[in-house]
């Protein structure tokens, strides 16, 4: 295991530290989980997102030029 240092805003660090302590979780493990999720799940999430985006693009839309068009 490696020890690394990162520059993080003090306020963000304090809030996250309090969150971890309140929930009895390891801050370093949470950072590790985040890093793994960025590496391992990115392709799967991106594919699902693109499928949903494609379905939205093919949806039916109405033209709204002003608020009265909605009334």
PDB file of N, CA and C in Angstrom:
ATOM      1  N   UNK A   1       0.844  -1.172   0.000  1.00  0.00           N
ATOM      2  CA  UNK A   1       0.000   0.000   0.000  1.00  0.00           C
ATOM      3  C   UNK A   1       0.891   1.238   0.000  1.00  0.00           C
ATOM      4  N   UNK A   2       0.495   2.249  -0.742  1.00  0.00           N
ATOM      5  CA  UNK A   2       1.284   3.467  -0.855  1.00  0.00           C
ATOM      6  C   UNK A   2       0.637   4.600  -0.066  1.00  0.00           C
ATOM      7  N   UNK A   3       1.475   5.462   0.464  1.00  0.00           N
ATOM      8  CA  UNK A   3       0.984   6.666   1.137  1.00  0.00           C
ATOM      9  C   UNK A   3       1.150   7.808   0.153  1.00  0.00           C
ATOM     10  N   UNK A   4       0.062   8.494  -0.134  1.00  0.00           N
ATOM     11  CA  UNK A   4       0.061   9.602  -1.086  1.00  0.00           C
ATOM     12  C   UNK A   4      -0.506  10.837  -0.411  1.00  0.00           C
ATOM     13  N   UNK A   5      -0.209  11.987  -0.954  1.00  0.00           N
ATOM     14  CA  UNK A   5      -0.803  13.219  -0.434  1.00  0.00           C
ATOM     15  C   UNK A   5      -1.501  13.940  -1.585  1.00  0.00           C
ATOM     16  N   UNK A   6      -2.585  14.602  -1.246  1.00  0.00           N
ATOM     17  CA  UNK A   6      -3.381  15.331  -2.229  1.00  0.00           C
ATOM     18  C   UNK A   6      -3.700  16.711  -1.675  1.00  0.00           C
ATOM     19  N   UNK A   7      -3.847  17.668  -2.547  1.00  0.00           N
ATOM     20  CA  UNK A   7      -4.275  19.001  -2.142  1.00  0.00           C
ATOM     21  C   UNK A   7      -5.799  19.048  -2.203  1.00  0.00           C
ATOM     22  N   UNK A   8      -6.413  19.293  -1.064  1.00  0.00           N
ATOM     23  CA  UNK A   8      -7.870  19.326  -0.950  1.00  0.00           C
ATOM     24  C   UNK A   8      -8.241  20.571  -0.155  1.00  0.00           C
ATOM     25  N   UNK A   9      -9.329  21.217  -0.540  1.00  0.00           N
ATOM     26  CA  UNK A   9      -9.799  22.366   0.233  1.00  0.00           C
ATOM     27  C   UNK A   9     -10.018  21.965   1.679  1.00  0.00           C
ATOM     28  N   UNK A  10      -9.562  22.805   2.589  1.00  0.00           N
ATOM     29  CA  UNK A  10      -9.654  22.509   4.015  1.00  0.00           C
ATOM     30  C   UNK A  10     -11.093  22.247   4.457  1.00  0.00           C
ATOM     31  N   UNK A  11     -12.020  23.066   3.989  1.00  0.00           N
ATOM     32  CA  UNK A  11     -13.425  22.912   4.388  1.00  0.00           C
ATOM     33  C   UNK A  11     -13.995  21.582   3.893  1.00  0.00           C
ATOM     34  N   UNK A  12     -13.671  21.206   2.680  1.00  0.00           N
ATOM     35  CA  UNK A  12     -14.136  19.932   2.119  1.00  0.00           C
ATOM     36  C   UNK A  12     -13.552  18.780   2.922  1.00  0.00           C
ATOM     37  N   UNK A  13     -12.265  18.867   3.234  1.00  0.00           N
ATOM     38  CA  UNK A  13     -11.606  17.821   4.014  1.00  0.00           C
ATOM     39  C   UNK A  13     -12.266  17.667   5.384  1.00  0.00           C
ATOM     40  N   UNK A  14     -12.496  18.790   6.064  1.00  0.00           N
ATOM     41  CA  UNK A  14     -13.101  18.725   7.398  1.00  0.00           C
ATOM     42  C   UNK A  14     -14.493  18.110   7.354  1.00  0.00           C
ATOM     43  N   UNK A  15     -15.308  18.531   6.390  1.00  0.00           N
ATOM     44  CA  UNK A  15     -16.675  17.999   6.285  1.00  0.00           C
ATOM     45  C   UNK A  15     -16.659  16.505   5.988  1.00  0.00           C
ATOM     46  N   UNK A  16     -15.778  16.082   5.072  1.00  0.00           N
ATOM     47  CA  UNK A  16     -15.709  14.664   4.737  1.00  0.00           C
ATOM     48  C   UNK A  16     -15.175  13.854   5.907  1.00  0.00           C
ATOM     49  N   UNK A  17     -14.208  14.412   6.620  1.00  0.00           N
ATOM     50  CA  UNK A  17     -13.669  13.748   7.799  1.00  0.00           C
ATOM     51  C   UNK A  17     -14.762  13.549   8.850  1.00  0.00           C
ATOM     52  N   UNK A  18     -15.563  14.583   9.090  1.00  0.00           N
ATOM     53  CA  UNK A  18     -16.673  14.479  10.049  1.00  0.00           C
ATOM     54  C   UNK A  18     -17.689  13.435   9.596  1.00  0.00           C
ATOM     55  N   UNK A  19     -17.982  13.423   8.291  1.00  0.00           N
ATOM     56  CA  UNK A  19     -18.910  12.449   7.730  1.00  0.00           C
ATOM     57  C   UNK A  19     -18.415  11.031   7.973  1.00  0.00           C
ATOM     58  N   UNK A  20     -17.133  10.797   7.701  1.00  0.00           N
ATOM     59  CA  UNK A  20     -16.554   9.465   7.880  1.00  0.00           C
ATOM     60  C   UNK A  20     -16.585   9.045   9.346  1.00  0.00           C
ATOM     61  N   UNK A  21     -16.214   9.953  10.240  1.00  0.00           N
ATOM     62  CA  UNK A  21     -16.229   9.642  11.664  1.00  0.00           C
ATOM     63  C   UNK A  21     -17.640   9.342  12.146  1.00  0.00           C
ATOM     64  N   UNK A  22     -18.606  10.142  11.716  1.00  0.00           N
ATOM     65  CA  UNK A  22     -19.994   9.957  12.145  1.00  0.00           C
ATOM     66  C   UNK A  22     -20.564   8.629  11.665  1.00  0.00           C
ATOM     67  N   UNK A  23     -20.082   8.147  10.522  1.00  0.00           N
ATOM     68  CA  UNK A  23     -20.604   6.906   9.954  1.00  0.00           C
ATOM     69  C   UNK A  23     -19.680   5.717  10.171  1.00  0.00           C
ATOM     70  N   UNK A  24     -18.591   5.934  10.917  1.00  0.00           N
ATOM     71  CA  UNK A  24     -17.667   4.851  11.234  1.00  0.00           C
ATOM     72  C   UNK A  24     -17.000   4.232  10.023  1.00  0.00           C
ATOM     73  N   UNK A  25     -16.651   5.064   9.047  1.00  0.00           N
ATOM     74  CA  UNK A  25     -16.004   4.548   7.840  1.00  0.00           C
ATOM     75  C   UNK A  25     -14.611   5.150   7.685  1.00  0.00           C
ATOM     76  N   UNK A  26     -13.761   4.463   6.954  1.00  0.00           N
ATOM     77  CA  UNK A  26     -12.393   4.900   6.720  1.00  0.00           C
ATOM     78  C   UNK A  26     -12.353   5.889   5.556  1.00  0.00           C
ATOM     79  N   UNK A  27     -11.794   7.066   5.818  1.00  0.00           N
ATOM     80  CA  UNK A  27     -11.686   8.070   4.766  1.00  0.00           C
ATOM     81  C   UNK A  27     -10.835   7.546   3.615  1.00  0.00           C
ATOM     82  N   UNK A  28      -9.713   6.920   3.920  1.00  0.00           N
ATOM     83  CA  UNK A  28      -8.828   6.441   2.853  1.00  0.00           C
ATOM     84  C   UNK A  28      -9.510   5.366   2.005  1.00  0.00           C
ATOM     85  N   UNK A  29     -10.320   4.510   2.627  1.00  0.00           N
ATOM     86  CA  UNK A  29     -11.045   3.490   1.859  1.00  0.00           C
ATOM     87  C   UNK A  29     -12.079   4.141   0.947  1.00  0.00           C
ATOM     88  N   UNK A  30     -12.725   5.204   1.408  1.00  0.00           N
ATOM     89  CA  UNK A  30     -13.708   5.890   0.574  1.00  0.00           C
ATOM     90  C   UNK A  30     -13.033   6.494  -0.655  1.00  0.00           C
ATOM     91  N   UNK A  31     -11.845   7.057  -0.459  1.00  0.00           N
ATOM     92  CA  UNK A  31     -11.090   7.619  -1.588  1.00  0.00           C
ATOM     93  C   UNK A  31     -10.694   6.502  -2.555  1.00  0.00           C
ATOM     94  N   UNK A  32     -10.257   5.386  -1.990  1.00  0.00           N
ATOM     95  CA  UNK A  32      -9.885   4.239  -2.834  1.00  0.00           C
ATOM     96  C   UNK A  32     -11.092   3.725  -3.618  1.00  0.00           C
ATOM     97  N   UNK A  33     -12.250   3.605  -2.975  1.00  0.00           N
ATOM     98  CA  UNK A  33     -13.477   3.169  -3.671  1.00  0.00           C
ATOM     99  C   UNK A  33     -13.830   4.123  -4.806  1.00  0.00           C
ATOM    100  N   UNK A  34     -13.691   5.427  -4.546  1.00  0.00           N
ATOM    101  CA  UNK A  34     -13.979   6.418  -5.585  1.00  0.00           C
ATOM    102  C   UNK A  34     -13.041   6.234  -6.782  1.00  0.00           C
ATOM    103  N   UNK A  35     -11.760   6.070  -6.492  1.00  0.00           N
ATOM    104  CA  UNK A  35     -10.783   5.916  -7.571  1.00  0.00           C
ATOM    105  C   UNK A  35     -11.058   4.650  -8.379  1.00  0.00           C
ATOM    106  N   UNK A  36     -11.383   3.553  -7.697  1.00  0.00           N
ATOM    107  CA  UNK A  36     -11.711   2.310  -8.397  1.00  0.00           C
ATOM    108  C   UNK A  36     -12.951   2.483  -9.270  1.00  0.00           C
ATOM    109  N   UNK A  37     -13.946   3.176  -8.740  1.00  0.00           N
ATOM    110  CA  UNK A  37     -15.184   3.353  -9.506  1.00  0.00           C
ATOM    111  C   UNK A  37     -14.934   4.156 -10.776  1.00  0.00           C
ATOM    112  N   UNK A  38     -14.020   5.113 -10.700  1.00  0.00           N
ATOM    113  CA  UNK A  38     -13.692   5.903 -11.886  1.00  0.00           C
ATOM    114  C   UNK A  38     -13.000   5.052 -12.940  1.00  0.00           C
ATOM    115  N   UNK A  39     -12.210   4.104 -12.508  1.00  0.00           N
ATOM    116  CA  UNK A  39     -11.473   3.254 -13.445  1.00  0.00           C
ATOM    117  C   UNK A  39     -12.290   2.075 -13.947  1.00  0.00           C
ATOM    118  N   UNK A  40     -13.014   1.412 -13.057  1.00  0.00           N
ATOM    119  CA  UNK A  40     -13.684   0.160 -13.394  1.00  0.00           C
ATOM    120  C   UNK A  40     -15.085   0.339 -13.965  1.00  0.00           C
ATOM    121  N   UNK A  41     -15.812   1.324 -13.511  1.00  0.00           N
ATOM    122  CA  UNK A  41     -17.214   1.435 -13.893  1.00  0.00           C
ATOM    123  C   UNK A  41     -17.461   2.469 -14.983  1.00  0.00           C
ATOM    124  N   UNK A  42     -16.466   3.215 -15.343  1.00  0.00           N
ATOM    125  CA  UNK A  42     -16.669   4.303 -16.277  1.00  0.00           C
ATOM    126  C   UNK A  42     -17.258   3.826 -17.604  1.00  0.00           C
ATOM    127  N   UNK A  43     -16.733   2.747 -18.172  1.00  0.00           N
ATOM    128  CA  UNK A  43     -17.221   2.271 -19.459  1.00  0.00           C
ATOM    129  C   UNK A  43     -18.669   1.796 -19.360  1.00  0.00           C
ATOM    130  N   UNK A  44     -19.005   1.070 -18.295  1.00  0.00           N
ATOM    131  CA  UNK A  44     -20.364   0.570 -18.149  1.00  0.00           C
ATOM    132  C   UNK A  44     -21.347   1.722 -17.961  1.00  0.00           C
ATOM    133  N   UNK A  45     -21.007   2.656 -17.111  1.00  0.00           N
ATOM    134  CA  UNK A  45     -21.885   3.796 -16.870  1.00  0.00           C
ATOM    135  C   UNK A  45     -22.025   4.616 -18.139  1.00  0.00           C
ATOM    136  N   UNK A  46     -20.949   4.837 -18.836  1.00  0.00           N
ATOM    137  CA  UNK A  46     -20.993   5.633 -20.062  1.00  0.00           C
ATOM    138  C   UNK A  46     -21.889   4.979 -21.102  1.00  0.00           C
ATOM    139  N   UNK A  47     -21.805   3.675 -21.261  1.00  0.00           N
ATOM    140  CA  UNK A  47     -22.644   2.978 -22.233  1.00  0.00           C
ATOM    141  C   UNK A  47     -24.115   3.089 -21.892  1.00  0.00           C
ATOM    142  N   UNK A  48     -24.448   2.912 -20.619  1.00  0.00           N
ATOM    143  CA  UNK A  48     -25.841   3.038 -20.196  1.00  0.00           C
ATOM    144  C   UNK A  48     -26.338   4.459 -20.417  1.00  0.00           C
ATOM    145  N   UNK A  49     -25.496   5.431 -20.103  1.00  0.00           N
ATOM    146  CA  UNK A  49     -25.870   6.829 -20.297  1.00  0.00           C
ATOM    147  C   UNK A  49     -26.127   7.127 -21.764  1.00  0.00           C
ATOM    148  N   UNK A  50     -25.256   6.639 -22.637  1.00  0.00           N
ATOM    149  CA  UNK A  50     -25.434   6.896 -24.068  1.00  0.00           C
ATOM    150  C   UNK A  50     -26.710   6.259 -24.607  1.00  0.00           C
ATOM    151  N   UNK A  51     -27.071   5.081 -24.120  1.00  0.00           N
ATOM    152  CA  UNK A  51     -28.319   4.446 -24.540  1.00  0.00           C
ATOM    153  C   UNK A  51     -29.525   5.282 -24.115  1.00  0.00           C
ATOM    154  N   UNK A  52     -29.500   5.765 -22.881  1.00  0.00           N
ATOM    155  CA  UNK A  52     -30.603   6.598 -22.392  1.00  0.00           C
ATOM    156  C   UNK A  52     -30.678   7.911 -23.164  1.00  0.00           C
ATOM    157  N   UNK A  53     -29.514   8.500 -23.422  1.00  0.00           N
ATOM    158  CA  UNK A  53     -29.466   9.748 -24.170  1.00  0.00           C
ATOM    159  C   UNK A  53     -30.023   9.565 -25.574  1.00  0.00           C
ATOM    160  N   UNK A  54     -29.701   8.453 -26.216  1.00  0.00           N
ATOM    161  CA  UNK A  54     -30.213   8.166 -27.554  1.00  0.00           C
ATOM    162  C   UNK A  54     -31.737   8.030 -27.534  1.00  0.00           C
ATOM    163  N   UNK A  55     -32.275   7.363 -26.504  1.00  0.00           N
ATOM    164  CA  UNK A  55     -33.729   7.220 -26.379  1.00  0.00           C
ATOM    165  C   UNK A  55     -34.389   8.575 -26.181  1.00  0.00           C
ATOM    166  N   UNK A  56     -33.770   9.442 -25.409  1.00  0.00           N
ATOM    167  CA  UNK A  56     -34.316  10.785 -25.185  1.00  0.00           C
ATOM    168  C   UNK A  56     -34.317  11.570 -26.488  1.00  0.00           C
ATOM    169  N   UNK A  57     -33.242  11.477 -27.232  1.00  0.00           N
ATOM    170  CA  UNK A  57     -33.148  12.209 -28.503  1.00  0.00           C
ATOM    171  C   UNK A  57     -34.217  11.777 -29.494  1.00  0.00           C
ATOM    172  N   UNK A  58     -34.635  10.526 -29.430  1.00  0.00           N
ATOM    173  CA  UNK A  58     -35.644  10.015 -30.351  1.00  0.00           C
ATOM    174  C   UNK A  58     -37.066  10.274 -29.859  1.00  0.00           C
ATOM    175  N   UNK A  59     -37.182  10.888 -28.683  1.00  0.00           N
ATOM    176  CA  UNK A  59     -38.497  11.139 -28.091  1.00  0.00           C
ATOM    177  C   UNK A  59     -39.276  12.223 -28.820  1.00  0.00           C
ATOM    178  N   UNK A  60     -40.556  12.326 -28.457  1.00  0.00           N
ATOM    179  CA  UNK A  60     -41.401  13.362 -29.040  1.00  0.00           C
ATOM    180  C   UNK A  60     -41.302  14.622 -28.197  1.00  0.00           C
ATOM    181  N   UNK A  61     -41.133  15.751 -28.859  1.00  0.00           N
ATOM    182  CA  UNK A  61     -40.991  17.026 -28.177  1.00  0.00           C
ATOM    183  C   UNK A  61     -41.985  18.014 -28.752  1.00  0.00           C
ATOM    184  N   UNK A  62     -42.328  19.011 -27.948  1.00  0.00           N
ATOM    185  CA  UNK A  62     -43.186  20.097 -28.426  1.00  0.00           C
ATOM    186  C   UNK A  62     -42.365  21.372 -28.470  1.00  0.00           C
ATOM    187  N   UNK A  63     -42.714  22.244 -29.382  1.00  0.00           N
ATOM    188  CA  UNK A  63     -42.021  23.510 -29.507  1.00  0.00           C
ATOM    189  C   UNK A  63     -42.622  24.510 -28.501  1.00  0.00           C
ATOM    190  N   UNK A  64     -41.784  25.116 -27.685  1.00  0.00           N
ATOM    191  CA  UNK A  64     -42.222  26.109 -26.711  1.00  0.00           C
ATOM    192  C   UNK A  64     -41.443  27.383 -26.969  1.00  0.00           C
ATOM    193  N   UNK A  65     -42.175  28.404 -27.426  1.00  0.00           N
ATOM    194  CA  UNK A  65     -41.523  29.687 -27.703  1.00  0.00           C
ATOM    195  C   UNK A  65     -41.707  30.662 -26.562  1.00  0.00           C
ATOM    196  N   UNK A  66     -42.796  30.511 -25.831  1.00  0.00           N
ATOM    197  CA  UNK A  66     -43.007  31.350 -24.648  1.00  0.00           C
ATOM    198  C   UNK A  66     -43.908  30.628 -23.671  1.00  0.00           C
ATOM    199  N   UNK A  67     -44.086  31.164 -22.509  1.00  0.00           N
ATOM    200  CA  UNK A  67     -44.831  30.509 -21.443  1.00  0.00           C
ATOM    201  C   UNK A  67     -46.281  30.256 -21.835  1.00  0.00           C
ATOM    202  N   UNK A  68     -46.848  31.080 -22.671  1.00  0.00           N
ATOM    203  CA  UNK A  68     -48.248  30.914 -23.075  1.00  0.00           C
ATOM    204  C   UNK A  68     -48.457  29.661 -23.911  1.00  0.00           C
ATOM    205  N   UNK A  69     -47.413  29.155 -24.552  1.00  0.00           N
ATOM    206  CA  UNK A  69     -47.515  27.905 -25.307  1.00  0.00           C
ATOM    207  C   UNK A  69     -47.807  26.719 -24.390  1.00  0.00           C
ATOM    208  N   UNK A  70     -47.436  26.841 -23.121  1.00  0.00           N
ATOM    209  CA  UNK A  70     -47.662  25.775 -22.174  1.00  0.00           C
ATOM    210  C   UNK A  70     -49.045  25.828 -21.527  1.00  0.00           C
ATOM    211  N   UNK A  71     -49.713  26.937 -21.618  1.00  0.00           N
ATOM    212  CA  UNK A  71     -51.023  27.107 -20.958  1.00  0.00           C
ATOM    213  C   UNK A  71     -52.165  26.668 -21.808  1.00  0.00           C
TER     214      UNK A  71
END
